[in-house]
Amino acid sequence: MQINKISPSFQAARQEHHKKDYLSMFHEKAKNSADMTDTIVVPRTIFKGYLGIMTGTTFLTLGSLISKHPKISKPLSIIGALTSLYGTWAFVRPFIIKDTKGVETSK
């Protein structure tokens, strides 16, 4: 005597295997669609500042991790400090000098 009958559902299996585009999953989950398309214009000097600070920090970290080899450690630390100093200058320059190229002064 058979208690229950299980029949396979092939349509449900086909729908589960349908792959969605990776970006469409983000668009579906976003509550505000403008969150996916908004952009911020950043002056080039500020972007260079971010890169300089991140690169300088990386060089300083590498220089401190290789402290057993002073011939490599010291130049990496000096390059890291100089790169971070340039990054700081490039980041702050548009705010100090108002007529810097790339900074919009009027709307």
C-alpha atoms as a PDB file:
ATOM      1  CA  MET A   1       0.000   0.000   0.000  1.00  0.00           C
ATOM      2  CA  GLN A   2       1.437   3.383  -1.056  1.00  0.00           C
ATOM      3  CA  ILE A   3       1.281   6.142   1.585  1.00  0.00           C
ATOM      4  CA  ASN A   4       2.118   9.141  -0.575  1.00  0.00           C
ATOM      5  CA  LYS A   5       3.003   9.814  -4.138  1.00  0.00           C
ATOM      6  CA  ILE A   6       5.895  12.143  -5.011  1.00  0.00           C
ATOM      7  CA  SER A   7       6.020  13.405  -8.542  1.00  0.00           C
ATOM      8  CA  PRO A   8       8.987  15.455  -9.733  1.00  0.00           C
ATOM      9  CA  SER A   9       8.313  18.995 -10.859  1.00  0.00           C
ATOM     10  CA  PHE A  10      10.609  19.761 -13.764  1.00  0.00           C
ATOM     11  CA  GLN A  11       9.430  23.349 -14.246  1.00  0.00           C
ATOM     12  CA  ALA A  12      10.499  24.374 -10.739  1.00  0.00           C
ATOM     13  CA  ALA A  13      13.926  22.856 -11.321  1.00  0.00           C
ATOM     14  CA  ARG A  14      14.335  24.778 -14.587  1.00  0.00           C
ATOM     15  CA  GLN A  15      13.459  28.095 -12.947  1.00  0.00           C
ATOM     16  CA  GLU A  16      16.005  27.574 -10.151  1.00  0.00           C
ATOM     17  CA  HIS A  17      18.836  27.031 -12.624  1.00  0.00           C
ATOM     18  CA  HIS A  18      18.106  30.249 -14.508  1.00  0.00           C
ATOM     19  CA  LYS A  19      21.098  32.493 -13.843  1.00  0.00           C
ATOM     20  CA  LYS A  20      20.614  36.191 -13.295  1.00  0.00           C
ATOM     21  CA  ASP A  21      23.051  38.886 -14.268  1.00  0.00           C
ATOM     22  CA  TYR A  22      25.351  39.843 -11.395  1.00  0.00           C
ATOM     23  CA  LEU A  23      24.507  43.565 -11.607  1.00  0.00           C
ATOM     24  CA  SER A  24      20.777  42.930 -11.884  1.00  0.00           C
ATOM     25  CA  MET A  25      20.862  41.293  -8.445  1.00  0.00           C
ATOM     26  CA  PHE A  26      22.223  44.543  -6.996  1.00  0.00           C
ATOM     27  CA  HIS A  27      19.586  46.585  -8.825  1.00  0.00           C
ATOM     28  CA  GLU A  28      16.809  44.344  -7.468  1.00  0.00           C
ATOM     29  CA  LYS A  29      18.019  44.683  -3.870  1.00  0.00           C
ATOM     30  CA  ALA A  30      18.567  48.458  -4.004  1.00  0.00           C
ATOM     31  CA  LYS A  31      15.705  50.330  -2.364  1.00  0.00           C
ATOM     32  CA  ASN A  32      16.465  53.546  -4.243  1.00  0.00           C
ATOM     33  CA  SER A  33      17.457  53.016  -7.872  1.00  0.00           C
ATOM     34  CA  ALA A  34      19.412  56.290  -7.854  1.00  0.00           C
ATOM     35  CA  ASP A  35      21.861  54.667  -5.430  1.00  0.00           C
ATOM     36  CA  MET A  36      23.227  52.575  -8.279  1.00  0.00           C
ATOM     37  CA  THR A  37      23.642  55.400 -10.798  1.00  0.00           C
ATOM     38  CA  ASP A  38      24.761  58.375  -8.687  1.00  0.00           C
ATOM     39  CA  THR A  39      28.291  59.584  -9.305  1.00  0.00           C
ATOM     40  CA  ILE A  40      30.478  62.100  -7.521  1.00  0.00           C
ATOM     41  CA  VAL A  41      32.918  64.249  -9.455  1.00  0.00           C
ATOM     42  CA  VAL A  42      36.213  64.385  -7.575  1.00  0.00           C
ATOM     43  CA  PRO A  43      38.950  66.773  -8.655  1.00  0.00           C
ATOM     44  CA  ARG A  44      41.978  65.004 -10.051  1.00  0.00           C
ATOM     45  CA  THR A  45      44.280  66.408  -7.386  1.00  0.00           C
ATOM     46  CA  ILE A  46      42.162  64.960  -4.579  1.00  0.00           C
ATOM     47  CA  PHE A  47      42.241  61.565  -6.308  1.00  0.00           C
ATOM     48  CA  LYS A  48      46.029  61.840  -6.611  1.00  0.00           C
ATOM     49  CA  GLY A  49      46.097  62.660  -2.911  1.00  0.00           C
ATOM     50  CA  TYR A  50      44.212  59.487  -2.025  1.00  0.00           C
ATOM     51  CA  LEU A  51      46.567  57.429  -4.168  1.00  0.00           C
ATOM     52  CA  GLY A  52      49.634  59.099  -2.662  1.00  0.00           C
ATOM     53  CA  ILE A  53      48.490  58.552   0.911  1.00  0.00           C
ATOM     54  CA  MET A  54      47.584  54.896   0.279  1.00  0.00           C
ATOM     55  CA  THR A  55      50.819  54.187  -1.600  1.00  0.00           C
ATOM     56  CA  GLY A  56      52.928  55.935   1.019  1.00  0.00           C
ATOM     57  CA  THR A  57      51.263  53.986   3.810  1.00  0.00           C
ATOM     58  CA  THR A  58      51.946  50.753   1.931  1.00  0.00           C
ATOM     59  CA  PHE A  59      55.632  51.617   1.492  1.00  0.00           C
ATOM     60  CA  LEU A  60      55.955  52.561   5.152  1.00  0.00           C
ATOM     61  CA  THR A  61      54.337  49.295   6.203  1.00  0.00           C
ATOM     62  CA  LEU A  62      56.618  47.266   3.942  1.00  0.00           C
ATOM     63  CA  GLY A  63      59.627  49.153   5.266  1.00  0.00           C
ATOM     64  CA  SER A  64      58.691  48.361   8.847  1.00  0.00           C
ATOM     65  CA  LEU A  65      57.973  44.696   8.103  1.00  0.00           C
ATOM     66  CA  ILE A  66      61.401  44.228   6.509  1.00  0.00           C
ATOM     67  CA  SER A  67      63.295  45.795   9.395  1.00  0.00           C
ATOM     68  CA  LYS A  68      65.902  42.998   9.372  1.00  0.00           C
ATOM     69  CA  HIS A  69      67.253  44.265   6.042  1.00  0.00           C
ATOM     70  CA  PRO A  70      68.240  47.922   6.541  1.00  0.00           C
ATOM     71  CA  LYS A  71      69.372  48.363   2.916  1.00  0.00           C
ATOM     72  CA  ILE A  72      65.773  47.737   1.780  1.00  0.00           C
ATOM     73  CA  SER A  73      63.884  48.969   4.828  1.00  0.00           C
ATOM     74  CA  LYS A  74      65.349  52.467   5.006  1.00  0.00           C
ATOM     75  CA  PRO A  75      64.708  53.434   1.331  1.00  0.00           C
ATOM     76  CA  LEU A  76      61.165  52.028   1.495  1.00  0.00           C
ATOM     77  CA  SER A  77      60.456  54.062   4.620  1.00  0.00           C
ATOM     78  CA  ILE A  78      61.869  57.245   3.069  1.00  0.00           C
ATOM     79  CA  ILE A  79      59.929  56.708  -0.177  1.00  0.00           C
ATOM     80  CA  GLY A  80      56.784  56.001   1.845  1.00  0.00           C
ATOM     81  CA  ALA A  81      57.146  59.152   3.911  1.00  0.00           C
ATOM     82  CA  LEU A  82      57.746  61.302   0.817  1.00  0.00           C
ATOM     83  CA  THR A  83      54.848  59.725  -1.064  1.00  0.00           C
ATOM     84  CA  SER A  84      52.503  60.271   1.889  1.00  0.00           C
ATOM     85  CA  LEU A  85      53.695  63.868   2.149  1.00  0.00           C
ATOM     86  CA  TYR A  86      52.932  64.426  -1.553  1.00  0.00           C
ATOM     87  CA  GLY A  87      49.546  62.738  -1.137  1.00  0.00           C
ATOM     88  CA  THR A  88      48.694  65.031   1.738  1.00  0.00           C
ATOM     89  CA  TRP A  89      49.717  68.088  -0.296  1.00  0.00           C
ATOM     90  CA  ALA A  90      47.739  66.942  -3.351  1.00  0.00           C
ATOM     91  CA  PHE A  91      44.678  66.254  -1.190  1.00  0.00           C
ATOM     92  CA  VAL A  92      44.757  69.579   0.662  1.00  0.00           C
ATOM     93  CA  ARG A  93      45.889  71.837  -2.202  1.00  0.00           C
ATOM     94  CA  PRO A  94      42.417  72.423  -3.775  1.00  0.00           C
ATOM     95  CA  PHE A  95      41.075  73.557  -0.398  1.00  0.00           C
ATOM     96  CA  ILE A  96      43.986  75.907   0.322  1.00  0.00           C
ATOM     97  CA  ILE A  97      44.442  77.409  -3.142  1.00  0.00           C
ATOM     98  CA  LYS A  98      40.974  78.259  -4.422  1.00  0.00           C
ATOM     99  CA  ASP A  99      42.030  78.986  -8.018  1.00  0.00           C
ATOM    100  CA  THR A 100      43.611  75.569  -8.553  1.00  0.00           C
ATOM    101  CA  LYS A 101      42.980  73.961 -11.896  1.00  0.00           C
ATOM    102  CA  GLY A 102      40.159  71.401 -11.674  1.00  0.00           C
ATOM    103  CA  VAL A 103      38.275  73.030  -8.814  1.00  0.00           C
ATOM    104  CA  GLU A 104      34.892  74.478  -9.754  1.00  0.00           C
ATOM    105  CA  THR A 105      34.532  77.924  -8.180  1.00  0.00           C
ATOM    106  CA  SER A 106      31.147  78.891  -9.637  1.00  0.00           C
ATOM    107  CA  LYS A 107      27.901  77.051 -10.226  1.00  0.00           C
END
